[in-house]
Amino acid sequence: MEKVFEIYIRTTPERLWEAITDPEIRSKYNFGSRATSDWTPGSRYEMSHPDAEAALGEGENLEVDPPRRLVQTMVALWSDEVKSEGTSRVTWDIEPIGDSCRLTVTHDQLREGANDELYGGWPMILSGLKTWLETGELLTTPGSLMYG
């Protein structure tokens, strides 16, 4: 199964890349969670939250092409239900368009009927990313209230 999310953000590819890969910025729109890695091909990344006792997710950076493309495996660890789903893949494609960027996030290699906790948060995450990059403000979403 594949889920594709597309959004247009008034920013530069470099600033968008930084927002995806910088742990502090990432926490502002990703329910308080940080993604840490050295962002090189084949390297590991980990999703963590200051209030969580263990990692919330992890995976491998398969393709790292700043500021255009990031392809990662993803193993969700935040609940027993999502742990049992195994590994999926997330691809971030950044395309400059005028004074903006089109960001396409493809979450695939999901089993048919996969738990929607794996992909259901993407609209909130991407909306928060857009809001933060364009206004510097945090977007209050049900996810940010629950996990932030």
Protein backbone atom coordinates (compact mmCIF):
# COMPACT_ATOMS: atom_id res chain seq x y z
CA MET A 1 0.00 0.00 0.00
CA GLU A 2 1.18 3.53 -0.78
CA LYS A 3 0.11 6.92 0.64
CA VAL A 4 1.17 10.12 -1.12
CA PHE A 5 0.96 13.59 0.44
CA GLU A 6 1.74 16.76 -1.52
CA ILE A 7 1.99 20.29 -0.20
CA TYR A 8 3.28 23.62 -1.47
CA ILE A 9 5.37 25.73 0.91
CA ARG A 10 6.73 29.23 0.36
CA THR A 11 10.37 28.57 1.20
CA THR A 12 13.66 27.56 -0.38
CA PRO A 13 14.72 23.94 -0.90
CA GLU A 14 17.63 24.51 1.50
CA ARG A 15 15.41 25.83 4.28
CA LEU A 16 12.92 23.00 3.75
CA TRP A 17 15.72 20.42 3.88
CA GLU A 18 16.98 21.96 7.11
CA ALA A 19 13.48 21.80 8.61
CA ILE A 20 13.25 18.09 7.77
CA THR A 21 16.70 17.14 9.06
CA ASP A 22 17.34 19.49 12.01
CA PRO A 23 16.10 17.82 15.24
CA GLU A 24 15.12 21.07 16.97
CA ILE A 25 13.15 22.40 14.00
CA ARG A 26 11.59 18.97 13.39
CA SER A 27 10.22 18.92 16.96
CA LYS A 28 8.26 22.12 16.26
CA TYR A 29 5.91 20.42 13.78
CA ASN A 30 6.33 16.68 14.44
CA PHE A 31 4.39 16.34 17.71
CA GLY A 32 7.49 17.34 19.70
CA SER A 33 9.54 14.45 18.27
CA ARG A 34 13.08 14.87 17.00
CA ALA A 35 14.78 13.01 14.15
CA THR A 36 18.50 12.56 14.79
CA SER A 37 21.05 11.23 12.32
CA ASP A 38 24.23 12.21 10.53
CA TRP A 39 22.11 12.20 7.33
CA THR A 40 24.47 10.18 5.16
CA PRO A 41 23.45 7.28 2.89
CA GLY A 42 23.27 4.06 4.90
CA SER A 43 23.21 5.85 8.25
CA ARG A 44 20.67 5.20 10.98
CA TYR A 45 18.15 7.74 12.23
CA GLU A 46 16.05 7.73 15.37
CA MET A 47 12.82 9.49 16.30
CA SER A 48 12.65 10.45 19.96
CA HIS A 49 10.62 12.62 22.31
CA PRO A 50 11.85 14.10 25.60
CA ASP A 51 8.90 12.56 27.48
CA ALA A 52 9.26 9.08 25.93
CA GLU A 53 11.23 6.38 27.71
CA ALA A 54 12.38 4.77 24.45
CA ALA A 55 12.72 5.64 20.76
CA LEU A 56 9.46 6.28 18.90
CA GLY A 57 10.82 5.19 15.55
CA GLU A 58 13.98 4.29 13.70
CA GLY A 59 15.28 3.41 10.30
CA GLU A 60 17.97 3.77 7.70
CA ASN A 61 18.66 6.67 5.35
CA LEU A 62 18.69 4.92 1.97
CA GLU A 63 19.17 7.98 -0.25
CA VAL A 64 20.35 11.40 0.94
CA ASP A 65 20.47 14.09 -1.78
CA PRO A 66 20.23 17.53 -0.14
CA PRO A 67 18.20 19.60 -0.76
CA ARG A 68 16.18 17.46 -3.17
CA ARG A 69 15.44 13.97 -1.88
CA LEU A 70 15.54 11.86 1.26
CA VAL A 71 14.53 8.19 1.21
CA GLN A 72 14.29 6.33 4.53
CA THR A 73 13.09 3.04 5.91
CA MET A 74 10.82 3.46 8.92
CA VAL A 75 10.03 1.20 11.83
CA ALA A 76 7.41 2.71 14.15
CA LEU A 77 8.00 1.88 17.82
CA TRP A 78 5.48 4.02 19.70
CA SER A 79 3.01 1.19 20.36
CA ASP A 80 2.81 -2.60 20.14
CA GLU A 81 0.22 -2.26 17.36
CA VAL A 82 2.54 -0.30 15.07
CA LYS A 83 5.66 -2.29 15.99
CA SER A 84 3.98 -5.36 14.53
CA GLU A 85 3.62 -3.58 11.15
CA GLY A 86 7.36 -3.90 10.47
CA THR A 87 9.37 -1.75 8.09
CA SER A 88 7.92 0.74 5.62
CA ARG A 89 9.56 3.46 3.50
CA VAL A 90 9.23 7.26 3.50
CA THR A 91 10.42 9.39 0.57
CA TRP A 92 10.67 13.18 0.81
CA ASP A 93 10.89 14.85 -2.63
CA ILE A 94 11.53 18.62 -2.76
CA GLU A 95 10.98 20.48 -6.03
CA PRO A 96 11.48 24.26 -6.31
CA ILE A 97 8.61 26.04 -8.06
CA GLY A 98 8.99 29.82 -8.32
CA ASP A 99 9.33 31.25 -4.81
CA SER A 100 8.02 28.03 -3.27
CA CYS A 101 8.63 24.30 -3.09
CA ARG A 102 6.44 21.34 -3.79
CA LEU A 103 7.04 18.74 -1.09
CA THR A 104 5.82 15.25 -1.90
CA VAL A 105 5.98 12.69 0.90
CA THR A 106 5.41 9.11 -0.24
CA HIS A 107 4.91 6.54 2.51
CA ASP A 108 4.96 3.12 0.87
CA GLN A 109 5.87 -0.51 1.37
CA LEU A 110 2.94 -0.61 3.80
CA ARG A 111 0.98 -3.83 4.01
CA GLU A 112 -2.59 -3.66 2.70
CA GLY A 113 -4.80 -2.65 5.62
CA ALA A 114 -1.84 -1.33 7.65
CA ASN A 115 -2.58 0.42 10.94
CA ASP A 116 -3.47 4.02 10.04
CA GLU A 117 -1.36 5.29 12.97
CA LEU A 118 1.60 4.75 10.60
CA TYR A 119 0.44 7.29 8.02
CA GLY A 120 -2.54 9.13 9.52
CA GLY A 121 -0.42 11.87 11.09
CA TRP A 122 1.17 13.07 7.85
CA PRO A 123 -1.46 15.77 7.08
CA MET A 124 -0.94 17.30 10.55
CA ILE A 125 2.86 17.04 10.34
CA LEU A 126 3.05 18.61 6.88
CA SER A 127 0.56 21.35 7.77
CA GLY A 128 2.65 22.16 10.83
CA LEU A 129 5.81 22.22 8.70
CA LYS A 130 4.21 24.64 6.22
CA THR A 131 2.88 26.89 8.96
CA TRP A 132 6.21 27.02 10.79
CA LEU A 133 8.26 27.72 7.65
CA GLU A 134 5.90 30.40 6.34
CA THR A 135 4.99 32.16 9.60
CA GLY A 136 7.38 31.01 12.33
CA GLU A 137 4.32 30.00 14.35
CA LEU A 138 3.44 26.58 15.74
CA LEU A 139 0.26 24.97 14.43
CA THR A 140 -1.98 23.48 17.07
CA THR A 141 -3.29 20.12 15.84
CA PRO A 142 -4.86 17.17 17.66
CA GLY A 143 -1.49 15.41 17.34
CA SER A 144 0.46 18.30 18.83
CA LEU A 145 -1.97 18.46 21.74
CA MET A 146 -1.74 14.71 22.29
CA TYR A 147 2.02 14.29 21.96
CA GLY A 148 3.54 17.77 22.14
